[in-house]
Amino acid sequence: MAYIISEDAKDLLEDIKKFCDKEVREQSREFDKSGEWPAEIYKKAAELGYTALEVPEKYGGLGLSRVDIAALMEEMAKADAGFAVTISASGLGMKPVLIAGSEKQKEKVCNIVMEGGFSAFALTEPGAGSDAGSGRTVAVKDKDGYVLNGRKCFITNGGVADVYCITAMTDKEAGIKGISMFLVEKGTPGLSIGKDEDKMGIRCSNTCDVVLEDCRIPAENLIGEEGKGFKIAMQTLDQARTWMGCIATGIAQRAMEEAINYANQRVQFGKPIIKNQAIQFKIADMEIKVETARQMTVHSLTKMDMGLPFSMESAIAKCYASDIAMEVASDAIQIFGGYGYSREYPVEKFLRDAKIFQIFEGTNEIQRIVVASNMLNSRR
């Protein structure tokens, strides 16, 4: 794995690999069939601190660099993409608070995650996907705080989160400048969970609707300022896209490893099929794609750590890594032949898991718009 990481991260990487090999890799195949959220696995991971990797050192975290965390996250993704998505989405749920929240809000959310809880980021609505600014969830201010009404959909960790960062319109006439961001805790009256999605892939993650019906929260639960919610959400997604690139790279890496193992064992015409140049070239192309995706992810995360602009790099990392995850998973199935199409073998799952990475955190069409916009603006 071509990451240059700290000694502490190297030790933790070995621990996470052992944990995933023992608790996640094979177990996730059964949960993939049932669609059940594997609560016991996450409980064990939380007890070991693996669900709180993105908590800043100031609030009790390990103080790892983002590149350190990427190596750990990719290892999780190799075991199961849904497992890695759940943990990464909890980090996503913290980001709006870490970006724009008060000190009290930061302490609250980080404490929840450090204690084994999960967070969720709720932006998408039935009529507001790529066009996130057309959301209909509203927040009306009164003397006691805000009252939220609306429905969010496709919310990762929506059914298991202990705290949510939720966007809502505070000024319906102002367009995206009328969107604000709010912190809502589990158990708040008026907050409920809608239907669970029966997903094609990443089935070890929870995805569901989050419903707000006269959900009253105190004024102090506003994150940042009124009207700044869209900006906070876009800053959040800028970071999240790179992490999705990291997990997609993990899927591709695992698919390649399984293909190599199978090609060494499968004998046709008197020799292992890996001896055929056609297979060797296919594997070489896999490695080129995987390592390129990984280094784009590392580059984006390095710029984040350095405090440099990274929006375009994040879009590239997410877009490229998710595209090649689909390609590498498909090629792995091809190497397996008919067995690759059977659920007896793991590679068909990688293709199902990979597809969502071309869609969420901004579709790859949106990522190309981000890249084009950055390119054009840089030449003005």
Foldseek 3Di string as FASTA:
>chain_A
DPFDFDPVLVVVLVVLLVLLVPPFQVVVLVCLVVLDQPVVSLQVCLVVVNLQQLQDVVLPHPNTAPSSVLSNLLSNLLSPLLRSCQSLQQVLQLQLCVPFNDPVVSNVSSVCVNNSFGEWEFQADPVPALNSQPAAWAWEQDPFATWIFDKTFFIWCLPGGQKGWYKHFDDPVPTLLRIWIFIDGPPQPQWDWADWDPALASSNITTTMIGGDRRGDGNSRTGHDGSCHSVSNLVSLLVSLLSLLSSLLSLLVSLLVLLVVQQCVDDDPHHRNCVDVVNVVLSVVSVVLSVVLSVLSVVLSVCVSVVHDRSLSSLCSLLSSLVSQLVSLVVSLVSVPPVSVDSVDPSVNSNSHSPCSCPPSRHNVVSVVSNVVVVVVVVD
